[in-house]
């Protein structure tokens, strides 16, 4: 169960792990992910979501609201997750979405695709968190904490279904196209958020506030 929770936590902050140089006390896979780079596809395509945005979160003089999304990403993180049997070998690209769903509620979402243009879905994750608390800024960077509550995992192919069920030692069943919700046990997460106009950045850690800001841009949709 601890291994599964580790991967669930890692998946939540995929882009944050790649965009941050913050020190992690995670296992070697997380460290490797932090040191690898991402790249965008030649055509800019931003991720979309069915999650409804609501409310806003105040960050000093700035207000965070709505939906923020990364472009379609490729990179060595895919190989790491495939080799760890978290993603099926069909995954070729991914992207993230961040949605403000209340005054202290957020949804962090990850979408994996079978092609580099992010057109055909393989797997998706929606992690719901609450109790978002924003601290005092250091420059334009705001330290935050929040509690992960649930993660809805959806498999879109039979390959993704097999991989996910194997990860859970075949103790849970998935049906293609149907989300399955897993408890995140209210685990505390630390973040460093930066808002610059309509572009948002995050760095994330499960142990302490990151010391460096994220570098992967989420653009307001």
Protein backbone atom coordinates (compact mmCIF):
# COMPACT_ATOMS: atom_id res chain seq x y z
CA UNK A 1 0.00 0.00 0.00
CA UNK A 2 2.87 2.39 0.77
CA UNK A 3 4.32 1.76 -2.70
CA UNK A 4 0.97 2.52 -4.31
CA UNK A 5 0.59 5.74 -2.30
CA UNK A 6 4.09 6.77 -3.38
CA UNK A 7 3.18 6.43 -7.05
CA UNK A 8 -0.15 8.18 -6.54
CA UNK A 9 1.64 11.11 -4.90
CA UNK A 10 4.26 11.18 -7.65
CA UNK A 11 1.65 11.18 -10.39
CA UNK A 12 -0.12 14.15 -8.80
CA UNK A 13 2.93 16.35 -9.23
CA UNK A 14 4.35 15.05 -12.49
CA UNK A 15 4.94 18.41 -14.15
CA UNK A 16 5.92 19.99 -10.84
CA UNK A 17 8.59 17.34 -10.34
CA UNK A 18 10.05 18.08 -13.75
CA UNK A 19 9.85 21.83 -13.36
CA UNK A 20 11.42 22.11 -9.93
CA UNK A 21 14.94 21.73 -8.61
CA UNK A 22 13.62 21.47 -5.06
CA UNK A 23 15.17 18.78 -2.88
CA UNK A 24 13.02 15.63 -2.53
CA UNK A 25 13.22 12.87 0.02
CA UNK A 26 11.34 10.47 -2.23
CA UNK A 27 12.63 7.18 -3.63
CA UNK A 28 15.07 7.11 -6.56
CA UNK A 29 12.34 7.24 -9.24
CA UNK A 30 11.13 10.60 -7.99
CA UNK A 31 14.69 11.94 -7.91
CA UNK A 32 15.24 10.76 -11.46
CA UNK A 33 12.03 12.44 -12.57
CA UNK A 34 13.14 15.72 -11.02
CA UNK A 35 16.35 15.69 -13.03
CA UNK A 36 14.81 14.99 -16.43
CA UNK A 37 13.48 17.48 -18.93
CA UNK A 38 10.26 17.83 -20.84
CA UNK A 39 9.65 19.16 -24.30
CA UNK A 40 6.55 20.35 -26.07
CA UNK A 41 5.29 19.06 -29.37
CA UNK A 42 5.74 21.25 -32.44
CA UNK A 43 2.06 22.26 -32.43
CA UNK A 44 0.93 23.94 -29.24
CA UNK A 45 -2.06 22.07 -27.88
CA UNK A 46 -3.27 22.70 -24.37
CA UNK A 47 -4.95 20.11 -22.19
CA UNK A 48 -8.70 20.30 -21.60
CA UNK A 49 -10.86 19.17 -18.69
CA UNK A 50 -14.48 18.46 -17.82
CA UNK A 51 -13.95 19.75 -14.28
CA UNK A 52 -15.98 22.87 -13.54
CA UNK A 53 -14.03 25.82 -12.13
CA UNK A 54 -15.54 27.76 -9.25
CA UNK A 55 -14.45 30.40 -6.78
CA UNK A 56 -10.94 31.77 -6.42
CA UNK A 57 -7.85 31.59 -4.26
CA UNK A 58 -6.18 34.80 -3.11
CA UNK A 59 -2.41 35.02 -3.44
CA UNK A 60 -1.41 38.38 -2.04
CA UNK A 61 -2.54 40.96 -4.60
CA UNK A 62 -3.20 38.23 -7.16
CA UNK A 63 -6.24 36.02 -7.62
CA UNK A 64 -6.00 32.46 -8.89
CA UNK A 65 -9.19 31.26 -10.59
CA UNK A 66 -10.40 29.15 -13.47
CA UNK A 67 -8.52 26.51 -15.45
CA UNK A 68 -4.78 26.45 -16.16
CA UNK A 69 -3.27 23.89 -18.54
CA UNK A 70 0.09 22.80 -19.89
CA UNK A 71 0.73 22.08 -23.51
CA UNK A 72 1.24 18.55 -24.83
CA UNK A 73 4.49 17.28 -23.26
CA UNK A 74 6.99 14.57 -24.12
CA UNK A 75 10.13 13.60 -22.28
CA UNK A 76 12.03 10.97 -20.32
CA UNK A 77 9.50 10.90 -17.49
CA UNK A 78 7.40 8.72 -19.78
CA UNK A 79 10.16 6.10 -19.89
CA UNK A 80 10.46 6.21 -16.10
CA UNK A 81 6.75 5.60 -15.56
CA UNK A 82 6.59 2.92 -18.27
CA UNK A 83 9.60 1.08 -16.87
CA UNK A 84 8.03 1.21 -13.41
CA UNK A 85 4.82 -0.30 -14.85
CA UNK A 86 2.79 2.73 -13.82
CA UNK A 87 1.97 3.56 -17.44
CA UNK A 88 1.57 1.13 -20.33
CA UNK A 89 4.23 1.19 -23.05
CA UNK A 90 1.72 2.82 -25.41
CA UNK A 91 2.08 6.22 -23.65
CA UNK A 92 3.94 8.73 -25.83
CA UNK A 93 2.90 12.11 -24.36
CA UNK A 94 1.07 13.71 -21.44
CA UNK A 95 -0.13 17.01 -20.02
CA UNK A 96 -1.47 18.56 -16.83
CA UNK A 97 -4.43 20.69 -15.84
CA UNK A 98 -4.94 22.72 -12.66
CA UNK A 99 -8.48 23.79 -11.74
CA UNK A 100 -9.58 26.07 -8.90
CA UNK A 101 -12.83 24.55 -7.64
CA UNK A 102 -13.43 26.69 -4.55
CA UNK A 103 -11.88 29.16 -2.13
CA UNK A 104 -9.62 26.40 -0.77
CA UNK A 105 -10.24 23.54 -3.20
CA UNK A 106 -8.32 22.43 -6.28
CA UNK A 107 -8.17 19.64 -8.85
CA UNK A 108 -4.78 18.62 -10.26
CA UNK A 109 -5.14 16.47 -13.34
CA UNK A 110 -2.81 14.39 -15.51
CA UNK A 111 -3.61 13.03 -18.95
CA UNK A 112 -1.49 10.41 -20.75
CA UNK A 113 -1.80 9.76 -24.49
CA UNK A 114 -0.84 7.08 -27.00
CA UNK A 115 0.49 9.63 -29.52
CA UNK A 116 2.81 12.62 -29.40
CA UNK A 117 0.06 15.02 -30.46
CA UNK A 118 -2.03 14.21 -27.36
CA UNK A 119 -5.02 13.14 -29.43
CA UNK A 120 -5.75 9.59 -28.21
CA UNK A 121 -6.16 8.99 -24.46
CA UNK A 122 -4.48 6.17 -22.58
CA UNK A 123 -4.99 7.10 -18.92
CA UNK A 124 -6.11 10.06 -16.86
CA UNK A 125 -5.96 11.08 -13.21
CA UNK A 126 -7.92 13.71 -11.27
CA UNK A 127 -6.65 14.45 -7.78
CA UNK A 128 -8.94 16.50 -5.57
CA UNK A 129 -7.43 18.44 -2.67
CA UNK A 130 -8.81 20.80 -0.05
CA UNK A 131 -7.66 23.06 2.79
CA UNK A 132 -5.47 25.10 0.45
CA UNK A 133 -3.55 27.57 2.62
CA UNK A 134 -1.42 30.30 1.07
CA UNK A 135 1.54 31.68 3.01
CA UNK A 136 3.49 34.91 2.71
CA UNK A 137 5.20 35.52 -0.62
CA UNK A 138 8.90 35.45 -1.29
CA UNK A 139 9.07 37.71 -4.28
CA UNK A 140 6.38 36.37 -6.64
CA UNK A 141 6.47 32.85 -5.17
CA UNK A 142 3.81 31.80 -2.67
CA UNK A 143 4.26 28.81 -0.36
CA UNK A 144 1.09 26.73 -0.05
CA UNK A 145 -0.11 23.60 1.69
CA UNK A 146 -3.12 21.42 0.88
CA UNK A 147 -4.51 17.98 1.64
CA UNK A 148 -4.98 15.39 -1.09
CA UNK A 149 -8.36 13.70 -0.64
CA UNK A 150 -9.15 11.50 -3.64
CA UNK A 151 -7.65 10.46 -6.95
CA UNK A 152 -9.96 9.31 -9.75
CA UNK A 153 -8.09 7.08 -12.19
CA UNK A 154 -9.61 6.40 -15.61
CA UNK A 155 -8.20 3.89 -18.08
CA UNK A 156 -9.08 4.48 -21.72
CA UNK A 157 -7.48 1.40 -23.29
CA UNK A 158 -7.17 -2.28 -22.42
CA UNK A 159 -3.40 -1.82 -22.12
CA UNK A 160 -3.92 0.90 -19.51
CA UNK A 161 -6.47 -1.29 -17.73
CA UNK A 162 -4.04 -4.21 -17.50
CA UNK A 163 -1.15 -2.03 -16.33
CA UNK A 164 -3.20 -0.32 -13.61
CA UNK A 165 -4.74 -3.51 -12.29
CA UNK A 166 -1.28 -5.09 -12.16
CA UNK A 167 0.05 -2.07 -10.23
CA UNK A 168 -2.69 -2.70 -7.67
CA UNK A 169 -1.77 -6.41 -7.55
CA UNK A 170 -5.12 -7.23 -9.18
CA UNK A 171 -6.95 -6.35 -5.97
CA UNK A 172 -9.01 -3.68 -7.77
CA UNK A 173 -10.78 -3.87 -11.11
CA UNK A 174 -11.01 -1.12 -13.70
CA UNK A 175 -13.44 -0.79 -16.59
CA UNK A 176 -12.30 1.08 -19.69
CA UNK A 177 -13.85 4.55 -19.71
CA UNK A 178 -15.10 4.42 -16.10
CA UNK A 179 -13.30 6.44 -13.37
CA UNK A 180 -12.34 4.62 -10.19
CA UNK A 181 -11.81 6.77 -7.11
CA UNK A 182 -8.98 6.00 -4.70
CA UNK A 183 -8.56 7.62 -1.28
CA UNK A 184 -5.46 9.79 -0.85
CA UNK A 185 -5.96 9.73 2.93
CA UNK A 186 -5.79 13.51 3.29
CA UNK A 187 -2.01 13.46 2.78
CA UNK A 188 -0.43 16.90 3.23
CA UNK A 189 1.37 18.38 0.24
CA UNK A 190 3.63 21.43 0.02
CA UNK A 191 3.76 23.70 -2.99
CA UNK A 192 5.36 26.86 -4.31
CA UNK A 193 3.01 28.69 -6.65
CA UNK A 194 3.83 31.55 -9.00
CA UNK A 195 1.26 33.55 -10.96
CA UNK A 196 2.45 35.82 -13.76
CA UNK A 197 -0.45 37.36 -15.64
CA UNK A 198 -2.34 34.44 -17.16
CA UNK A 199 0.49 31.96 -16.62
CA UNK A 200 0.81 29.85 -13.48
CA UNK A 201 3.76 27.75 -12.28
CA UNK A 202 4.02 25.21 -9.51
CA UNK A 203 6.67 23.27 -7.66
CA UNK A 204 5.55 20.48 -5.37
CA UNK A 205 6.88 18.27 -2.58
CA UNK A 206 5.44 15.86 -0.03
CA UNK A 207 8.05 16.76 2.61
CA UNK A 208 8.66 20.53 2.72
CA UNK A 209 8.08 23.75 0.81
CA UNK A 210 10.16 23.68 -2.41
CA UNK A 211 13.01 26.15 -2.52
CA UNK A 212 12.79 26.74 -6.27
CA UNK A 213 9.82 27.77 -8.39
CA UNK A 214 8.40 25.59 -11.14
CA UNK A 215 9.40 26.20 -14.74
CA UNK A 216 6.67 24.43 -16.74
CA UNK A 217 3.98 26.99 -17.69
CA UNK A 218 0.27 26.41 -17.16
CA UNK A 219 -1.67 28.86 -19.33
CA UNK A 220 -5.13 30.08 -18.31
CA UNK A 221 -7.80 28.68 -20.60
